C-alpha atoms as a PDB file:
ATOM      1  CA  MET A   1     228.636 111.565  96.584  1.00  0.00           C
ATOM      2  CA  ILE A   2     228.319 115.545  97.523  1.00  0.00           C
ATOM      3  CA  ASP A   3     225.483 117.268  95.385  1.00  0.00           C
ATOM      4  CA  ARG A   4     227.446 119.083  92.288  1.00  0.00           C
ATOM      5  CA  ARG A   5     225.277 122.265  93.255  1.00  0.00           C
ATOM      6  CA  ILE A   6     226.651 122.532  96.669  1.00  0.00           C
ATOM      7  CA  VAL A   7     230.193 122.378  95.411  1.00  0.00           C
ATOM      8  CA  LEU A   8     229.094 125.098  92.991  1.00  0.00           C
ATOM      9  CA  TYR A   9     227.743 126.756  95.824  1.00  0.00           C
ATOM     10  CA  ILE A  10     230.878 127.104  97.852  1.00  0.00           C
ATOM     11  CA  GLY A  11     232.900 127.709  95.141  1.00  0.00           C
ATOM     12  CA  ALA A  12     230.549 130.946  94.387  1.00  0.00           C
ATOM     13  CA  VAL A  13     231.237 131.946  98.100  1.00  0.00           C
ATOM     14  CA  PHE A  14     234.606 131.618  97.951  1.00  0.00           C
ATOM     15  CA  ILE A  15     235.137 132.979  94.455  1.00  0.00           C
ATOM     16  CA  ALA A  16     232.640 135.908  95.692  1.00  0.00           C
ATOM     17  CA  LEU A  17     235.504 136.728  99.086  1.00  0.00           C
ATOM     18  CA  LEU A  18     238.593 136.188  96.987  1.00  0.00           C
ATOM     19  CA  SER A  19     237.082 138.274  94.313  1.00  0.00           C
ATOM     20  CA  GLY A  20     236.353 141.191  96.886  1.00  0.00           C
ATOM     21  CA  TYR A  21     239.396 140.661  98.367  1.00  0.00           C
ATOM     22  CA  LEU A  22     241.583 140.676  94.854  1.00  0.00           C
ATOM     23  CA  TYR A  23     239.288 143.783  93.776  1.00  0.00           C
ATOM     24  CA  SER A  24     240.164 145.854  96.642  1.00  0.00           C
ATOM     25  CA  ARG A  25     244.182 145.328  95.670  1.00  0.00           C
ATOM     26  CA  HIS A  26     243.835 145.942  91.816  1.00  0.00           C
ATOM     27  CA  LEU A  27     244.616 142.597  91.361  1.00  0.00           C
ATOM     28  CA  TYR A  28     242.725 142.326  88.124  1.00  0.00           C
ATOM     29  CA  VAL A  29     244.563 139.772  86.218  1.00  0.00           C
ATOM     30  CA  ALA A  30     244.514 137.565  89.220  1.00  0.00           C
ATOM     31  CA  LEU A  31     240.766 138.198  89.386  1.00  0.00           C
ATOM     32  CA  SER A  32     240.206 136.573  85.970  1.00  0.00           C
ATOM     33  CA  TYR A  33     242.262 133.738  86.453  1.00  0.00           C
ATOM     34  CA  SER A  34     240.821 132.826  89.845  1.00  0.00           C
ATOM     35  CA  ALA A  35     237.222 133.481  88.434  1.00  0.00           C
ATOM     36  CA  TRP A  36     238.726 130.612  85.304  1.00  0.00           C
ATOM     37  CA  ALA A  37     239.663 128.392  88.240  1.00  0.00           C
ATOM     38  CA  LEU A  38     235.887 128.203  89.291  1.00  0.00           C
ATOM     39  CA  PHE A  39     234.499 128.047  85.679  1.00  0.00           C
ATOM     40  CA  PHE A  40     236.551 124.840  84.733  1.00  0.00           C
ATOM     41  CA  THR A  41     235.705 123.161  88.127  1.00  0.00           C
ATOM     42  CA  ALA A  42     232.113 123.553  86.914  1.00  0.00           C
ATOM     43  CA  VAL A  43     232.655 122.341  83.672  1.00  0.00           C
ATOM     44  CA  LEU A  44     234.653 119.281  85.432  1.00  0.00           C
ATOM     45  CA  ILE A  45     231.664 118.539  88.024  1.00  0.00           C
ATOM     46  CA  LEU A  46     228.980 118.917  85.179  1.00  0.00           C
ATOM     47  CA  PHE A  47     230.706 116.360  82.918  1.00  0.00           C
ATOM     48  CA  SER A  48     231.931 113.926  86.117  1.00  0.00           C
ATOM     49  CA  ARG A  49     227.921 112.839  86.129  1.00  0.00           C
ATOM     50  CA  LYS A  50     228.001 111.157  82.981  1.00  0.00           C
ATOM     51  CA  ARG A  51     231.227 110.077  80.376  1.00  0.00           C
ATOM     52  CA  LEU A  52     231.363 111.267  77.099  1.00  0.00           C
ATOM     53  CA  THR A  53     230.645 108.494  74.296  1.00  0.00           C
ATOM     54  CA  ALA A  54     233.130 107.750  71.685  1.00  0.00           C
ATOM     55  CA  GLU A  55     230.397 109.276  69.230  1.00  0.00           C
ATOM     56  CA  GLU A  56     229.468 112.349  71.103  1.00  0.00           C
ATOM     57  CA  ALA A  57     233.308 112.459  71.340  1.00  0.00           C
ATOM     58  CA  VAL A  58     233.905 112.387  67.535  1.00  0.00           C
ATOM     59  CA  VAL A  59     231.021 114.885  66.753  1.00  0.00           C
ATOM     60  CA  ILE A  60     232.442 117.584  69.339  1.00  0.00           C
ATOM     61  CA  ALA A  61     236.021 116.949  67.476  1.00  0.00           C
ATOM     62  CA  SER A  62     234.708 117.203  64.165  1.00  0.00           C
ATOM     63  CA  LEU A  63     232.821 120.248  64.542  1.00  0.00           C
ATOM     64  CA  ALA A  64     235.479 122.053  66.454  1.00  0.00           C
ATOM     65  CA  ALA A  65     237.510 121.483  63.373  1.00  0.00           C
ATOM     66  CA  ILE A  66     235.232 122.554  61.396  1.00  0.00           C
ATOM     67  CA  ALA A  67     234.487 125.914  63.065  1.00  0.00           C
ATOM     68  CA  ALA A  68     238.415 126.600  63.616  1.00  0.00           C
ATOM     69  CA  VAL A  69     238.909 125.970  59.451  1.00  0.00           C
ATOM     70  CA  GLY A  70     236.372 128.710  59.152  1.00  0.00           C
ATOM     71  CA  ARG A  71     237.431 130.821  61.941  1.00  0.00           C
ATOM     72  CA  THR A  72     241.097 130.671  59.879  1.00  0.00           C
ATOM     73  CA  VAL A  73     239.514 131.156  56.552  1.00  0.00           C
ATOM     74  CA  PHE A  74     237.441 134.122  57.455  1.00  0.00           C
ATOM     75  CA  ALA A  75     240.305 135.745  59.900  1.00  0.00           C
ATOM     76  CA  PRO A  76     240.911 138.592  57.108  1.00  0.00           C
ATOM     77  CA  ILE A  77     237.523 139.550  57.589  1.00  0.00           C
ATOM     78  CA  PRO A  78     237.069 141.357  60.803  1.00  0.00           C
ATOM     79  CA  SER A  79     234.750 139.884  63.326  1.00  0.00           C
ATOM     80  CA  VAL A  80     233.425 137.534  60.945  1.00  0.00           C
ATOM     81  CA  GLN A  81     233.077 134.499  63.112  1.00  0.00           C
ATOM     82  CA  PRO A  82     231.655 131.309  61.280  1.00  0.00           C
ATOM     83  CA  VAL A  83     232.509 129.907  64.671  1.00  0.00           C
ATOM     84  CA  SER A  84     229.518 131.364  66.533  1.00  0.00           C
ATOM     85  CA  PHE A  85     226.823 129.760  63.856  1.00  0.00           C
ATOM     86  CA  ILE A  86     228.599 126.819  63.987  1.00  0.00           C
ATOM     87  CA  ILE A  87     228.091 126.836  67.926  1.00  0.00           C
ATOM     88  CA  ILE A  88     224.476 128.175  67.827  1.00  0.00           C
ATOM     89  CA  CYS A  89     223.168 125.125  65.298  1.00  0.00           C
ATOM     90  CA  THR A  90     225.282 122.487  67.560  1.00  0.00           C
ATOM     91  CA  GLY A  91     223.261 124.038  70.624  1.00  0.00           C
ATOM     92  CA  ALA A  92     220.261 123.759  69.002  1.00  0.00           C
ATOM     93  CA  VAL A  93     220.296 119.904  67.796  1.00  0.00           C
ATOM     94  CA  PHE A  94     222.438 118.429  70.190  1.00  0.00           C
ATOM     95  CA  GLY A  95     222.221 120.614  73.493  1.00  0.00           C
ATOM     96  CA  TRP A  96     223.811 122.631  75.695  1.00  0.00           C
ATOM     97  CA  ARG A  97     226.748 120.147  76.777  1.00  0.00           C
ATOM     98  CA  THR A  98     227.822 119.288  73.197  1.00  0.00           C
ATOM     99  CA  ALA A  99     227.712 122.956  72.148  1.00  0.00           C
ATOM    100  CA  LEU A 100     229.542 124.239  75.383  1.00  0.00           C
ATOM    101  CA  MET A 101     232.426 121.559  74.406  1.00  0.00           C
ATOM    102  CA  THR A 102     232.324 122.583  70.865  1.00  0.00           C
ATOM    103  CA  GLY A 103     232.808 126.261  71.651  1.00  0.00           C
ATOM    104  CA  MET A 104     235.561 125.583  74.354  1.00  0.00           C
ATOM    105  CA  LEU A 105     237.392 123.547  72.141  1.00  0.00           C
ATOM    106  CA  SER A 106     237.075 125.812  68.944  1.00  0.00           C
ATOM    107  CA  ALA A 107     238.438 128.676  70.704  1.00  0.00           C
ATOM    108  CA  PHE A 108     241.706 126.757  71.305  1.00  0.00           C
ATOM    109  CA  VAL A 109     241.922 124.733  68.062  1.00  0.00           C
ATOM    110  CA  SER A 110     241.497 128.042  66.202  1.00  0.00           C
ATOM    111  CA  ASN A 111     244.487 129.594  68.187  1.00  0.00           C
ATOM    112  CA  LEU A 112     246.670 126.892  67.382  1.00  0.00           C
ATOM    113  CA  PHE A 113     246.676 128.800  63.923  1.00  0.00           C
ATOM    114  CA  LEU A 114     245.996 132.338  64.527  1.00  0.00           C
ATOM    115  CA  GLY A 115     248.228 132.332  67.757  1.00  0.00           C
ATOM    116  CA  GLN A 116     247.473 131.678  71.488  1.00  0.00           C
ATOM    117  CA  GLY A 117     247.851 133.837  74.531  1.00  0.00           C
ATOM    118  CA  PRO A 118     245.592 134.858  77.513  1.00  0.00           C
ATOM    119  CA  TRP A 119     243.139 136.114  75.204  1.00  0.00           C
ATOM    120  CA  THR A 120     242.390 131.949  74.409  1.00  0.00           C
ATOM    121  CA  LEU A 121     240.946 131.612  78.086  1.00  0.00           C
ATOM    122  CA  TRP A 122     238.396 134.200  77.445  1.00  0.00           C
ATOM    123  CA  GLN A 123     237.560 133.090  73.630  1.00  0.00           C
ATOM    124  CA  MET A 124     236.959 129.703  75.259  1.00  0.00           C
ATOM    125  CA  LEU A 125     234.685 130.922  77.830  1.00  0.00           C
ATOM    126  CA  ALA A 126     232.626 133.377  75.641  1.00  0.00           C
ATOM    127  CA  TRP A 127     232.092 130.623  73.010  1.00  0.00           C
ATOM    128  CA  GLY A 128     231.365 128.411  75.781  1.00  0.00           C
ATOM    129  CA  LEU A 129     228.859 130.071  77.318  1.00  0.00           C
ATOM    130  CA  MET A 130     226.794 130.506  74.009  1.00  0.00           C
ATOM    131  CA  GLY A 131     226.591 127.393  73.343  1.00  0.00           C
ATOM    132  CA  VAL A 132     225.334 126.710  76.612  1.00  0.00           C
ATOM    133  CA  PHE A 133     222.663 129.444  76.130  1.00  0.00           C
ATOM    134  CA  ALA A 134     221.811 128.114  72.973  1.00  0.00           C
ATOM    135  CA  GLY A 135     221.388 124.618  73.901  1.00  0.00           C
ATOM    136  CA  VAL A 136     218.897 125.386  76.361  1.00  0.00           C
ATOM    137  CA  LEU A 137     217.188 127.738  74.325  1.00  0.00           C
ATOM    138  CA  PHE A 138     216.903 125.901  71.175  1.00  0.00           C
ATOM    139  CA  HIS A 139     217.140 122.618  72.374  1.00  0.00           C
ATOM    140  CA  SER A 140     215.864 121.913  76.521  1.00  0.00           C
ATOM    141  CA  MET A 141     213.518 124.751  75.807  1.00  0.00           C
ATOM    142  CA  GLY A 142     212.503 123.761  72.218  1.00  0.00           C
ATOM    143  CA  ILE A 143     212.251 126.988  70.604  1.00  0.00           C
ATOM    144  CA  LYS A 144     212.609 126.526  66.803  1.00  0.00           C
ATOM    145  CA  SER A 145     212.227 130.095  65.194  1.00  0.00           C
ATOM    146  CA  LYS A 146     214.734 131.062  63.165  1.00  0.00           C
ATOM    147  CA  ARG A 147     214.256 134.537  63.961  1.00  0.00           C
ATOM    148  CA  ALA A 148     214.674 133.821  67.910  1.00  0.00           C
ATOM    149  CA  LYS A 149     218.165 131.944  66.124  1.00  0.00           C
ATOM    150  CA  MET A 150     218.811 135.384  64.508  1.00  0.00           C
ATOM    151  CA  ALA A 151     218.053 137.570  67.342  1.00  0.00           C
ATOM    152  CA  PHE A 152     220.407 135.460  69.469  1.00  0.00           C
ATOM    153  CA  GLY A 153     222.971 135.626  67.044  1.00  0.00           C
ATOM    154  CA  PHE A 154     223.046 138.791  66.908  1.00  0.00           C
ATOM    155  CA  ALA A 155     222.810 139.325  70.739  1.00  0.00           C
ATOM    156  CA  ALA A 156     225.430 136.906  71.467  1.00  0.00           C
ATOM    157  CA  GLY A 157     227.945 138.726  68.665  1.00  0.00           C
ATOM    158  CA  ILE A 158     227.466 141.751  70.593  1.00  0.00           C
ATOM    159  CA  LEU A 159     228.053 140.052  73.994  1.00  0.00           C
ATOM    160  CA  PHE A 160     231.201 138.150  72.945  1.00  0.00           C
ATOM    161  CA  GLY A 161     232.575 141.414  71.910  1.00  0.00           C
ATOM    162  CA  TRP A 162     232.181 142.880  75.269  1.00  0.00           C
ATOM    163  CA  LEU A 163     233.217 140.494  77.740  1.00  0.00           C
ATOM    164  CA  MET A 164     236.553 140.297  75.496  1.00  0.00           C
ATOM    165  CA  ASN A 165     236.726 143.526  76.436  1.00  0.00           C
ATOM    166  CA  LEU A 166     236.966 142.744  79.818  1.00  0.00           C
ATOM    167  CA  TRP A 167     240.356 140.828  79.041  1.00  0.00           C
ATOM    168  CA  TYR A 168     241.408 143.828  77.672  1.00  0.00           C
ATOM    169  CA  LEU A 169     240.642 145.579  80.356  1.00  0.00           C
ATOM    170  CA  VAL A 170     242.504 143.866  83.121  1.00  0.00           C
ATOM    171  CA  SER A 171     244.991 142.837  81.516  1.00  0.00           C
ATOM    172  CA  TYR A 172     246.365 146.395  79.990  1.00  0.00           C
ATOM    173  CA  VAL A 173     244.729 149.034  81.664  1.00  0.00           C
ATOM    174  CA  ASP A 174     246.418 149.684  84.875  1.00  0.00           C
ATOM    175  CA  ALA A 175     243.821 151.537  86.405  1.00  0.00           C
ATOM    176  CA  VAL A 176     240.221 150.655  85.447  1.00  0.00           C
ATOM    177  CA  SER A 177     237.727 153.817  85.463  1.00  0.00           C
ATOM    178  CA  PRO A 178     234.512 154.290  84.102  1.00  0.00           C
ATOM    179  CA  ALA A 179     235.899 156.520  81.294  1.00  0.00           C
ATOM    180  CA  GLY A 180     238.337 153.332  80.748  1.00  0.00           C
ATOM    181  CA  ILE A 181     236.097 151.433  80.165  1.00  0.00           C
ATOM    182  CA  LEU A 182     233.572 153.393  77.912  1.00  0.00           C
ATOM    183  CA  LEU A 183     236.513 154.262  75.648  1.00  0.00           C
ATOM    184  CA  ALA A 184     237.518 150.218  75.532  1.00  0.00           C
ATOM    185  CA  TYR A 185     233.594 149.681  74.665  1.00  0.00           C
ATOM    186  CA  SER A 186     233.124 152.298  72.422  1.00  0.00           C
ATOM    187  CA  ALA A 187     235.874 151.355  70.429  1.00  0.00           C
ATOM    188  CA  SER A 188     235.052 147.654  69.996  1.00  0.00           C
ATOM    189  CA  ALA A 189     231.278 148.906  68.930  1.00  0.00           C
ATOM    190  CA  TYR A 190     231.712 148.343  64.903  1.00  0.00           C
ATOM    191  CA  MET A 191     233.387 145.259  65.441  1.00  0.00           C
ATOM    192  CA  ASP A 192     230.986 143.883  67.550  1.00  0.00           C
ATOM    193  CA  LEU A 193     228.193 145.340  65.616  1.00  0.00           C
ATOM    194  CA  MET A 194     229.973 142.872  62.862  1.00  0.00           C
ATOM    195  CA  HIS A 195     230.321 139.969  64.549  1.00  0.00           C
ATOM    196  CA  GLY A 196     226.557 139.841  65.183  1.00  0.00           C
ATOM    197  CA  LEU A 197     225.338 140.962  62.015  1.00  0.00           C
ATOM    198  CA  ALA A 198     227.803 137.897  60.400  1.00  0.00           C
ATOM    199  CA  ASN A 199     225.895 135.687  62.941  1.00  0.00           C
ATOM    200  CA  VAL A 200     222.606 136.943  61.454  1.00  0.00           C
ATOM    201  CA  PHE A 201     223.451 136.426  58.036  1.00  0.00           C
ATOM    202  CA  PHE A 202     224.838 132.937  58.128  1.00  0.00           C
ATOM    203  CA  ILE A 203     222.002 131.697  60.238  1.00  0.00           C
ATOM    204  CA  ALA A 204     219.543 133.091  57.810  1.00  0.00           C
ATOM    205  CA  VAL A 205     221.327 131.543  54.952  1.00  0.00           C
ATOM    206  CA  LEU A 206     222.887 128.121  56.225  1.00  0.00           C
ATOM    207  CA  SER A 207     220.952 127.356  59.391  1.00  0.00           C
ATOM    208  CA  GLU A 208     218.505 125.245  58.209  1.00  0.00           C
ATOM    209  CA  SER A 209     221.050 123.194  56.122  1.00  0.00           C
ATOM    210  CA  LEU A 210     223.402 122.613  58.582  1.00  0.00           C
ATOM    211  CA  GLU A 211     220.983 121.477  61.460  1.00  0.00           C
ATOM    212  CA  LYS A 212     219.593 119.125  59.140  1.00  0.00           C
ATOM    213  CA  ILE A 213     222.876 117.763  58.297  1.00  0.00           C
ATOM    214  CA  LEU A 214     223.768 117.353  62.453  1.00  0.00           C
ATOM    215  CA  THR A 215     220.146 116.216  63.226  1.00  0.00           C
ATOM    216  CA  ARG A 216     220.907 113.030  60.790  1.00  0.00           C
ATOM    217  CA  ILE A 217     224.116 112.365  62.599  1.00  0.00           C
ATOM    218  CA  ARG A 218     222.845 112.491  65.608  1.00  0.00           C
ATOM    219  CA  VAL A 219     220.079 110.136  64.695  1.00  0.00           C
ATOM    220  CA  LYS A 220     222.227 107.662  62.873  1.00  0.00           C
ATOM    221  CA  TYR A 221     224.542 107.340  65.707  1.00  0.00           C
ATOM    222  CA  GLY A 222     221.878 107.232  68.495  1.00  0.00           C
ATOM    223  CA  ILE A 223     223.392 110.451  70.184  1.00  0.00           C
ATOM    224  CA  LEU A 224     220.520 111.646  72.777  1.00  0.00           C
ATOM    225  CA  ALA A 225     218.363 108.624  71.827  1.00  0.00           C
ATOM    226  CA  GLU A 226     218.111 107.493  75.403  1.00  0.00           C
ATOM    227  CA  ASP A 227     216.925 110.974  76.133  1.00  0.00           C
ATOM    228  CA  GLU A 228     214.431 111.597  73.714  1.00  0.00           C
ATOM    229  CA  LYS A 229     212.892 107.988  74.504  1.00  0.00           C
ATOM    230  CA  GLY A 230     212.499 108.655  77.888  1.00  0.00           C
ATOM    231  CA  HIS A 231     214.489 105.894  79.064  1.00  0.00           C
ATOM    232  CA  GLY A 232     217.542 106.557  81.264  1.00  0.00           C
ATOM    233  CA  GLY A 233     217.806 110.288  80.556  1.00  0.00           C
ATOM    234  CA  LYS A 234     221.025 111.174  79.699  1.00  0.00           C
ATOM    235  CA  TYR A 235     220.518 114.468  79.528  1.00  0.00           C
ATOM    236  CA  GLU A 236     217.066 114.903  81.434  1.00  0.00           C
ATOM    237  CA  GLU A 237     219.363 115.590  85.167  1.00  0.00           C
ATOM    238  CA  ALA A 238     221.809 118.373  83.384  1.00  0.00           C
ATOM    239  CA  ASP A 239     218.996 119.958  81.476  1.00  0.00           C
ATOM    240  CA  GLN A 240     217.050 120.822  84.600  1.00  0.00           C
ATOM    241  CA  PHE A 241     220.341 121.821  86.441  1.00  0.00           C
ATOM    242  CA  PHE A 242     219.971 124.800  84.065  1.00  0.00           C
ATOM    243  CA  CYS A 243     216.101 125.112  83.134  1.00  0.00           C
END
């Protein structure tokens, strides 16, 4: 079997060349979808190394459903996204792999109620990456500080908005310019700030309770048990790939 890193490196080179061509032709929408093809390929390669257990699949589906309901309930309040808080706690307890899938699935499921569109792919990317970084920092690297999680939540809320601004620029702006970029990011600054502050609030008030519940589920169903005992290393290789 070809090492997944080699496949990713080859894909990265291909996307870099393709991106240069699409950028020179001002085909920004096509550029975004070509990048998405690489992202999904990378996810498939990473997950092909280990089949999800039934317990893990149930946990991911349940957390995604809870996150989707929370997002729908808070939809009238601009940029207050409990989805981000749930993804961060998922990453801290279960690791980047579960958090990645929870983040991507949460965006897709919640948009069944709030409206699907090309923005769904970008939201899946943004929340998926949020889960990856949360899992690496607070699970793989073992950072336990609530203040660190609050700081990460604030930064993640801001960066989520910045990434979504890219979708707006490539989809609705004919000619991307520095002035247009500055205008788009300035217009979203308030909403991004609200997202970051909401993450800080949810983490400060609810993270300990949610993580205790998730930890009980993890222990009860033996999820990650092999890795913690040092036998089999279900996640050890994957964690090393990102660390």
